[in-house]
Amino acid sequence: MIGFGQEIFCPQLAQGFIFKVIIRTYVEMSRLSAVGELLEDDIPLAAHSTVFLLTQSYGLQYKWFHNQIRPFGQQIALQCSKCLALRSLQVQFSADGKSSELKCRLCKATSREIECDGEYVWPKHSMKVGVAYKPLWGEVEF
């Protein structure tokens, strides 16, 4: 079963993704755990919602991340809470890359710290943009 985590979900974003999953699993006979690869190709859906893949033997949660728009997969505010300027927040990562903070370009206010969720498996190819997954239960074969 495939599910989506967004409260106000926009189903038209999922049409192409669901079609690709059906083709990949039933026509090409690929493993269902390849959903993460398909989600990396479908940025509008990945940016809109987390995706859950639930089977009898395992469960996975996929989350899209971008180092400036959604650090560690967490949404950030569109405006500074102090000066109310739009799109003025910049993400600054710590030296070890496991946490970041939001800082306004204009008023220099620091709004909040964002930490890396250690339960997610981040792709080895890039920590800038991609899809991470978190095992919910069971053993997964990729």
N, C-alpha and C. Protein backbone atom coordinates (compact mmCIF):
# COMPACT_ATOMS: atom_id res chain seq x y z
N MET A 1 0.85 -1.16 0.00
CA MET A 1 0.00 0.00 0.00
C MET A 1 0.90 1.23 0.00
N ILE A 2 0.50 2.23 -0.74
CA ILE A 2 1.21 3.51 -0.79
C ILE A 2 0.29 4.56 -0.20
N GLY A 3 0.83 5.35 0.72
CA GLY A 3 0.05 6.40 1.36
C GLY A 3 0.82 7.71 1.33
N PHE A 4 0.11 8.79 1.61
CA PHE A 4 0.71 10.12 1.57
C PHE A 4 0.44 10.83 2.89
N GLY A 5 1.42 11.59 3.38
CA GLY A 5 1.36 12.17 4.70
C GLY A 5 0.88 13.60 4.78
N GLN A 6 0.61 14.24 3.66
CA GLN A 6 0.18 15.63 3.67
C GLN A 6 -1.27 15.74 4.11
N GLU A 7 -1.56 16.67 5.05
CA GLU A 7 -2.94 16.84 5.52
C GLU A 7 -3.88 17.26 4.41
N ILE A 8 -3.50 18.29 3.66
CA ILE A 8 -4.32 18.76 2.54
C ILE A 8 -3.62 18.28 1.27
N PHE A 9 -3.93 17.06 0.90
CA PHE A 9 -3.23 16.39 -0.19
C PHE A 9 -3.80 16.80 -1.55
N CYS A 10 -2.93 17.00 -2.51
CA CYS A 10 -3.31 17.37 -3.88
C CYS A 10 -3.14 16.13 -4.77
N PRO A 11 -4.23 15.37 -5.01
CA PRO A 11 -4.10 14.08 -5.69
C PRO A 11 -3.56 14.15 -7.12
N GLN A 12 -3.76 15.26 -7.80
CA GLN A 12 -3.26 15.33 -9.18
C GLN A 12 -1.73 15.27 -9.23
N LEU A 13 -1.06 15.60 -8.13
CA LEU A 13 0.40 15.47 -8.10
C LEU A 13 0.85 14.02 -8.06
N ALA A 14 -0.02 13.12 -7.62
CA ALA A 14 0.34 11.71 -7.46
C ALA A 14 0.03 10.85 -8.68
N GLN A 15 -0.71 11.35 -9.63
CA GLN A 15 -1.14 10.54 -10.77
C GLN A 15 0.04 9.93 -11.53
N GLY A 16 0.99 10.74 -11.93
CA GLY A 16 2.14 10.25 -12.69
C GLY A 16 2.98 9.29 -11.87
N PHE A 17 3.14 9.58 -10.59
CA PHE A 17 3.92 8.73 -9.70
C PHE A 17 3.28 7.35 -9.55
N ILE A 18 1.98 7.31 -9.31
CA ILE A 18 1.27 6.03 -9.17
C ILE A 18 1.36 5.23 -10.47
N PHE A 19 1.23 5.91 -11.60
CA PHE A 19 1.34 5.24 -12.90
C PHE A 19 2.73 4.61 -13.05
N LYS A 20 3.79 5.36 -12.67
CA LYS A 20 5.16 4.83 -12.77
C LYS A 20 5.36 3.63 -11.85
N VAL A 21 4.78 3.69 -10.65
CA VAL A 21 4.91 2.57 -9.70
C VAL A 21 4.25 1.32 -10.28
N ILE A 22 3.07 1.47 -10.88
CA ILE A 22 2.36 0.33 -11.47
C ILE A 22 3.18 -0.28 -12.61
N ILE A 23 3.68 0.57 -13.50
CA ILE A 23 4.50 0.09 -14.62
C ILE A 23 5.74 -0.62 -14.10
N ARG A 24 6.41 -0.01 -13.13
CA ARG A 24 7.67 -0.56 -12.63
C ARG A 24 7.47 -1.91 -11.93
N THR A 25 6.40 -2.04 -11.16
CA THR A 25 6.23 -3.28 -10.39
C THR A 25 5.52 -4.39 -11.17
N TYR A 26 4.53 -4.05 -11.97
CA TYR A 26 3.75 -5.09 -12.65
C TYR A 26 4.21 -5.38 -14.07
N VAL A 27 4.73 -4.39 -14.77
CA VAL A 27 5.20 -4.63 -16.14
C VAL A 27 6.68 -4.99 -16.15
N GLU A 28 7.49 -4.19 -15.47
CA GLU A 28 8.93 -4.44 -15.45
C GLU A 28 9.35 -5.42 -14.36
N MET A 29 8.43 -5.80 -13.49
CA MET A 29 8.65 -6.77 -12.42
C MET A 29 9.78 -6.35 -11.47
N SER A 30 9.89 -5.08 -11.18
CA SER A 30 10.88 -4.58 -10.23
C SER A 30 10.35 -4.70 -8.81
N ARG A 31 11.24 -4.56 -7.85
CA ARG A 31 10.83 -4.59 -6.44
C ARG A 31 10.06 -3.32 -6.10
N LEU A 32 9.10 -3.46 -5.23
CA LEU A 32 8.31 -2.32 -4.78
C LEU A 32 9.16 -1.34 -3.98
N SER A 33 10.25 -1.80 -3.39
CA SER A 33 11.11 -0.93 -2.59
C SER A 33 11.85 0.10 -3.45
N ALA A 34 11.72 0.04 -4.77
CA ALA A 34 12.33 1.02 -5.67
C ALA A 34 11.52 2.30 -5.75
N VAL A 35 10.52 2.46 -4.89
CA VAL A 35 9.68 3.66 -4.89
C VAL A 35 10.51 4.91 -4.67
N GLY A 36 11.55 4.83 -3.86
CA GLY A 36 12.41 5.98 -3.60
C GLY A 36 13.05 6.54 -4.86
N GLU A 37 13.48 5.65 -5.75
CA GLU A 37 14.07 6.10 -7.02
C GLU A 37 13.03 6.84 -7.86
N LEU A 38 11.81 6.32 -7.89
CA LEU A 38 10.75 6.97 -8.65
C LEU A 38 10.38 8.32 -8.04
N LEU A 39 10.43 8.41 -6.72
CA LEU A 39 10.09 9.65 -6.05
C LEU A 39 11.13 10.74 -6.31
N GLU A 40 12.39 10.34 -6.48
CA GLU A 40 13.43 11.32 -6.82
C GLU A 40 13.17 11.96 -8.17
N ASP A 41 12.50 11.24 -9.06
CA ASP A 41 12.17 11.78 -10.38
C ASP A 41 10.89 12.61 -10.37
N ASP A 42 10.15 12.57 -9.27
CA ASP A 42 8.87 13.26 -9.19
C ASP A 42 8.93 14.32 -8.09
N ILE A 43 9.70 15.38 -8.34
CA ILE A 43 9.95 16.43 -7.34
C ILE A 43 8.66 17.12 -6.87
N PRO A 44 7.71 17.46 -7.74
CA PRO A 44 6.50 18.12 -7.24
C PRO A 44 5.77 17.31 -6.16
N LEU A 45 5.64 16.00 -6.35
CA LEU A 45 4.98 15.17 -5.35
C LEU A 45 5.86 15.04 -4.11
N ALA A 46 7.14 14.81 -4.30
CA ALA A 46 8.05 14.62 -3.17
C ALA A 46 8.12 15.87 -2.30
N ALA A 47 8.10 17.05 -2.92
CA ALA A 47 8.14 18.30 -2.16
C ALA A 47 6.81 18.57 -1.47
N HIS A 48 5.74 18.01 -1.98
CA HIS A 48 4.40 18.25 -1.43
C HIS A 48 4.10 17.37 -0.23
N SER A 49 4.54 16.12 -0.24
CA SER A 49 4.10 15.18 0.78
C SER A 49 5.14 14.11 1.06
N THR A 50 5.16 13.62 2.30
CA THR A 50 5.91 12.41 2.58
C THR A 50 5.14 11.24 1.97
N VAL A 51 5.84 10.18 1.63
CA VAL A 51 5.20 9.02 1.01
C VAL A 51 5.50 7.80 1.87
N PHE A 52 4.47 7.03 2.14
CA PHE A 52 4.60 5.81 2.93
C PHE A 52 4.44 4.60 2.02
N LEU A 53 5.32 3.63 2.17
CA LEU A 53 5.22 2.35 1.48
C LEU A 53 5.04 1.30 2.56
N LEU A 54 3.87 0.69 2.60
CA LEU A 54 3.53 -0.26 3.65
C LEU A 54 3.22 -1.62 3.03
N THR A 55 3.97 -2.63 3.44
CA THR A 55 3.72 -4.00 2.99
C THR A 55 3.57 -4.87 4.23
N GLN A 56 3.30 -6.17 4.03
CA GLN A 56 3.19 -7.08 5.17
C GLN A 56 4.54 -7.29 5.85
N SER A 57 5.63 -7.23 5.09
CA SER A 57 6.93 -7.54 5.66
C SER A 57 7.76 -6.32 6.07
N TYR A 58 7.45 -5.14 5.55
CA TYR A 58 8.20 -3.94 5.93
C TYR A 58 7.38 -2.67 5.66
N GLY A 59 7.83 -1.60 6.28
CA GLY A 59 7.21 -0.29 6.07
C GLY A 59 8.30 0.76 5.95
N LEU A 60 8.14 1.69 5.02
CA LEU A 60 9.11 2.76 4.80
C LEU A 60 8.38 4.11 4.71
N GLN A 61 9.05 5.14 5.18
CA GLN A 61 8.56 6.50 5.00
C GLN A 61 9.62 7.26 4.22
N TYR A 62 9.21 7.87 3.10
CA TYR A 62 10.12 8.63 2.25
C TYR A 62 9.87 10.12 2.46
N LYS A 63 10.98 10.88 2.48
CA LYS A 63 10.89 12.32 2.70
C LYS A 63 11.87 13.02 1.76
N TRP A 64 11.40 14.08 1.08
CA TRP A 64 12.24 14.85 0.17
C TRP A 64 12.96 15.93 0.96
N PHE A 65 14.21 16.18 0.60
CA PHE A 65 14.97 17.24 1.26
C PHE A 65 15.71 18.08 0.23
N HIS A 66 15.96 19.32 0.60
CA HIS A 66 16.72 20.27 -0.21
C HIS A 66 17.48 21.14 0.78
N ASN A 67 18.75 21.38 0.56
CA ASN A 67 19.55 22.04 1.59
C ASN A 67 19.13 23.48 1.89
N GLN A 68 18.39 24.15 1.01
CA GLN A 68 17.95 25.52 1.29
C GLN A 68 16.44 25.65 1.46
N ILE A 69 15.68 24.79 0.82
CA ILE A 69 14.21 24.88 0.89
C ILE A 69 13.64 24.02 2.00
N ARG A 70 14.19 22.81 2.17
CA ARG A 70 13.69 21.87 3.18
C ARG A 70 14.86 21.10 3.78
N PRO A 71 15.63 21.76 4.68
CA PRO A 71 16.79 21.08 5.27
C PRO A 71 16.36 19.89 6.12
N PHE A 72 17.02 18.77 5.91
CA PHE A 72 16.71 17.51 6.61
C PHE A 72 15.24 17.11 6.46
N GLY A 73 14.61 17.54 5.38
CA GLY A 73 13.22 17.18 5.10
C GLY A 73 12.19 17.97 5.88
N GLN A 74 12.59 19.00 6.59
CA GLN A 74 11.66 19.79 7.39
C GLN A 74 11.32 21.10 6.69
N GLN A 75 10.03 21.42 6.64
CA GLN A 75 9.62 22.67 6.02
C GLN A 75 10.08 23.85 6.85
N ILE A 76 10.44 24.93 6.16
CA ILE A 76 10.82 26.15 6.85
C ILE A 76 9.83 27.25 6.50
N ALA A 77 9.77 28.26 7.34
CA ALA A 77 8.84 29.37 7.13
C ALA A 77 9.24 30.16 5.88
N LEU A 78 8.25 30.80 5.27
CA LEU A 78 8.53 31.61 4.09
C LEU A 78 8.95 33.04 4.45
N GLN A 79 8.73 33.44 5.71
CA GLN A 79 9.10 34.79 6.08
C GLN A 79 9.72 34.81 7.48
N CYS A 80 10.50 35.85 7.72
CA CYS A 80 11.15 36.04 9.00
C CYS A 80 10.09 36.41 10.04
N SER A 81 10.17 35.80 11.21
CA SER A 81 9.18 36.09 12.26
C SER A 81 9.43 37.44 12.93
N LYS A 82 10.61 38.02 12.74
CA LYS A 82 10.92 39.31 13.38
C LYS A 82 10.61 40.49 12.45
N CYS A 83 11.22 40.50 11.26
CA CYS A 83 11.02 41.64 10.36
C CYS A 83 9.93 41.39 9.31
N LEU A 84 9.41 40.16 9.24
CA LEU A 84 8.32 39.75 8.34
C LEU A 84 8.67 39.81 6.85
N ALA A 85 9.97 39.86 6.54
CA ALA A 85 10.40 39.87 5.14
C ALA A 85 10.19 38.48 4.53
N LEU A 86 9.68 38.46 3.30
CA LEU A 86 9.44 37.20 2.61
C LEU A 86 10.73 36.66 2.01
N ARG A 87 10.86 35.34 2.04
CA ARG A 87 12.00 34.61 1.46
C ARG A 87 13.36 35.20 1.86
N SER A 88 13.47 35.60 3.10
CA SER A 88 14.73 36.18 3.57
C SER A 88 15.52 35.21 4.44
N LEU A 89 14.96 34.06 4.76
CA LEU A 89 15.64 33.11 5.63
C LEU A 89 16.66 32.28 4.86
N GLN A 90 17.83 32.17 5.42
CA GLN A 90 18.89 31.36 4.84
C GLN A 90 19.24 30.25 5.81
N VAL A 91 19.54 29.09 5.28
CA VAL A 91 19.91 27.95 6.09
C VAL A 91 21.42 27.92 6.22
N GLN A 92 21.90 27.85 7.46
CA GLN A 92 23.33 27.77 7.71
C GLN A 92 23.60 26.47 8.46
N PHE A 93 24.42 25.61 7.87
CA PHE A 93 24.71 24.30 8.44
C PHE A 93 25.88 24.37 9.41
N SER A 94 25.85 23.51 10.41
CA SER A 94 26.96 23.41 11.36
C SER A 94 28.15 22.75 10.67
N ALA A 95 29.29 22.80 11.33
CA ALA A 95 30.52 22.24 10.73
C ALA A 95 30.40 20.75 10.47
N ASP A 96 29.71 20.01 11.35
CA ASP A 96 29.57 18.57 11.16
C ASP A 96 28.44 18.20 10.21
N GLY A 97 27.61 19.18 9.80
CA GLY A 97 26.53 18.94 8.85
C GLY A 97 25.32 18.24 9.42
N LYS A 98 25.25 18.09 10.75
CA LYS A 98 24.14 17.36 11.36
C LYS A 98 23.06 18.28 11.94
N SER A 99 23.28 19.57 11.85
CA SER A 99 22.25 20.51 12.28
C SER A 99 22.40 21.80 11.48
N SER A 100 21.36 22.61 11.53
CA SER A 100 21.39 23.88 10.81
C SER A 100 20.52 24.87 11.55
N GLU A 101 20.70 26.14 11.24
CA GLU A 101 19.84 27.17 11.82
C GLU A 101 19.39 28.11 10.71
N LEU A 102 18.25 28.75 10.95
CA LEU A 102 17.71 29.70 9.99
C LEU A 102 18.08 31.10 10.43
N LYS A 103 18.61 31.87 9.50
CA LYS A 103 19.02 33.24 9.80
C LYS A 103 18.49 34.17 8.72
N CYS A 104 17.92 35.29 9.14
CA CYS A 104 17.36 36.26 8.20
C CYS A 104 18.49 37.06 7.55
N ARG A 105 18.44 37.20 6.23
CA ARG A 105 19.45 37.98 5.51
C ARG A 105 19.37 39.46 5.86
N LEU A 106 18.17 39.94 6.18
CA LEU A 106 17.97 41.37 6.38
C LEU A 106 18.19 41.83 7.81
N CYS A 107 17.49 41.24 8.76
CA CYS A 107 17.61 41.69 10.16
C CYS A 107 18.59 40.85 10.98
N LYS A 108 19.14 39.78 10.38
CA LYS A 108 20.13 38.89 11.02
C LYS A 108 19.59 38.11 12.22
N ALA A 109 18.27 38.06 12.38
CA ALA A 109 17.67 37.30 13.47
C ALA A 109 17.79 35.80 13.19
N THR A 110 18.05 35.03 14.23
CA THR A 110 18.10 33.58 14.13
C THR A 110 16.77 33.04 14.61
N SER A 111 16.10 32.25 13.76
CA SER A 111 14.76 31.84 14.14
C SER A 111 14.68 30.47 14.80
N ARG A 112 15.33 29.45 14.26
CA ARG A 112 15.28 28.14 14.91
C ARG A 112 16.38 27.23 14.39
N GLU A 113 16.67 26.24 15.20
CA GLU A 113 17.67 25.25 14.82
C GLU A 113 16.97 24.00 14.33
N ILE A 114 17.50 23.42 13.27
CA ILE A 114 16.94 22.20 12.69
C ILE A 114 18.00 21.12 12.79
N GLU A 115 17.64 19.97 13.35
CA GLU A 115 18.59 18.89 13.51
C GLU A 115 18.26 17.73 12.58
N CYS A 116 19.30 17.03 12.20
CA CYS A 116 19.16 15.85 11.34
C CYS A 116 18.51 14.72 12.13
N ASP A 117 17.49 14.11 11.55
CA ASP A 117 16.82 12.98 12.18
C ASP A 117 17.65 11.72 11.87
N GLY A 118 18.26 11.16 12.89
CA GLY A 118 19.16 10.03 12.70
C GLY A 118 18.47 8.75 12.25
N GLU A 119 17.14 8.70 12.31
CA GLU A 119 16.43 7.50 11.89
C GLU A 119 16.34 7.38 10.36
N TYR A 120 16.51 8.49 9.65
CA TYR A 120 16.42 8.47 8.19
C TYR A 120 17.75 8.02 7.59
N VAL A 121 17.65 7.31 6.47
CA VAL A 121 18.83 6.91 5.71
C VAL A 121 18.95 7.90 4.56
N TRP A 122 20.00 8.71 4.62
CA TRP A 122 20.20 9.77 3.63
C TRP A 122 21.00 9.21 2.47
N PRO A 123 20.71 9.65 1.24
CA PRO A 123 21.45 9.13 0.07
C PRO A 123 22.93 9.49 0.15
N LYS A 124 23.77 8.57 -0.30
CA LYS A 124 25.21 8.80 -0.25
C LYS A 124 25.69 9.77 -1.33
N HIS A 125 24.92 9.88 -2.42
CA HIS A 125 25.37 10.69 -3.55
C HIS A 125 25.31 12.18 -3.28
N SER A 126 24.42 12.63 -2.39
CA SER A 126 24.27 14.06 -2.16
C SER A 126 23.52 14.34 -0.87
N MET A 127 23.96 15.34 -0.14
CA MET A 127 23.20 15.80 1.02
C MET A 127 22.52 17.13 0.69
N LYS A 128 22.53 17.52 -0.59
CA LYS A 128 21.92 18.79 -0.97
C LYS A 128 20.47 18.62 -1.40
N VAL A 129 20.20 17.66 -2.26
CA VAL A 129 18.85 17.43 -2.75
C VAL A 129 18.66 15.93 -2.93
N GLY A 130 17.48 15.44 -2.55
CA GLY A 130 17.21 14.02 -2.75
C GLY A 130 16.06 13.52 -1.91
N VAL A 131 15.96 12.21 -1.83
CA VAL A 131 14.91 11.55 -1.06
C VAL A 131 15.57 10.64 -0.03
N ALA A 132 15.18 10.80 1.23
CA ALA A 132 15.66 9.95 2.31
C ALA A 132 14.52 9.03 2.73
N TYR A 133 14.87 7.90 3.33
CA TYR A 133 13.82 7.00 3.81
C TYR A 133 14.07 6.61 5.26
N LYS A 134 13.00 6.27 5.93
CA LYS A 134 13.07 5.82 7.33
C LYS A 134 12.36 4.49 7.43
N PRO A 135 13.06 3.44 7.87
CA PRO A 135 12.38 2.15 8.07
C PRO A 135 11.40 2.25 9.24
N LEU A 136 10.18 1.80 9.02
CA LEU A 136 9.16 1.82 10.07
C LEU A 136 9.09 0.47 10.78
N TRP A 137 9.22 -0.63 10.02
CA TRP A 137 9.30 -1.98 10.58
C TRP A 137 9.82 -2.92 9.53
N GLY A 138 10.31 -4.07 9.96
CA GLY A 138 10.75 -5.12 9.06
C GLY A 138 12.09 -4.90 8.40
N GLU A 139 12.48 -5.86 7.60
CA GLU A 139 13.72 -5.83 6.84
C GLU A 139 13.40 -5.57 5.37
N VAL A 140 14.15 -4.65 4.76
CA VAL A 140 13.90 -4.27 3.37
C VAL A 140 15.05 -4.71 2.49
N GLU A 141 14.74 -5.26 1.33
CA GLU A 141 15.75 -5.59 0.33
C GLU A 141 15.62 -4.61 -0.81
N PHE A 142 16.73 -3.90 -1.10
CA PHE A 142 16.69 -2.92 -2.19
C PHE A 142 17.29 -3.48 -3.44
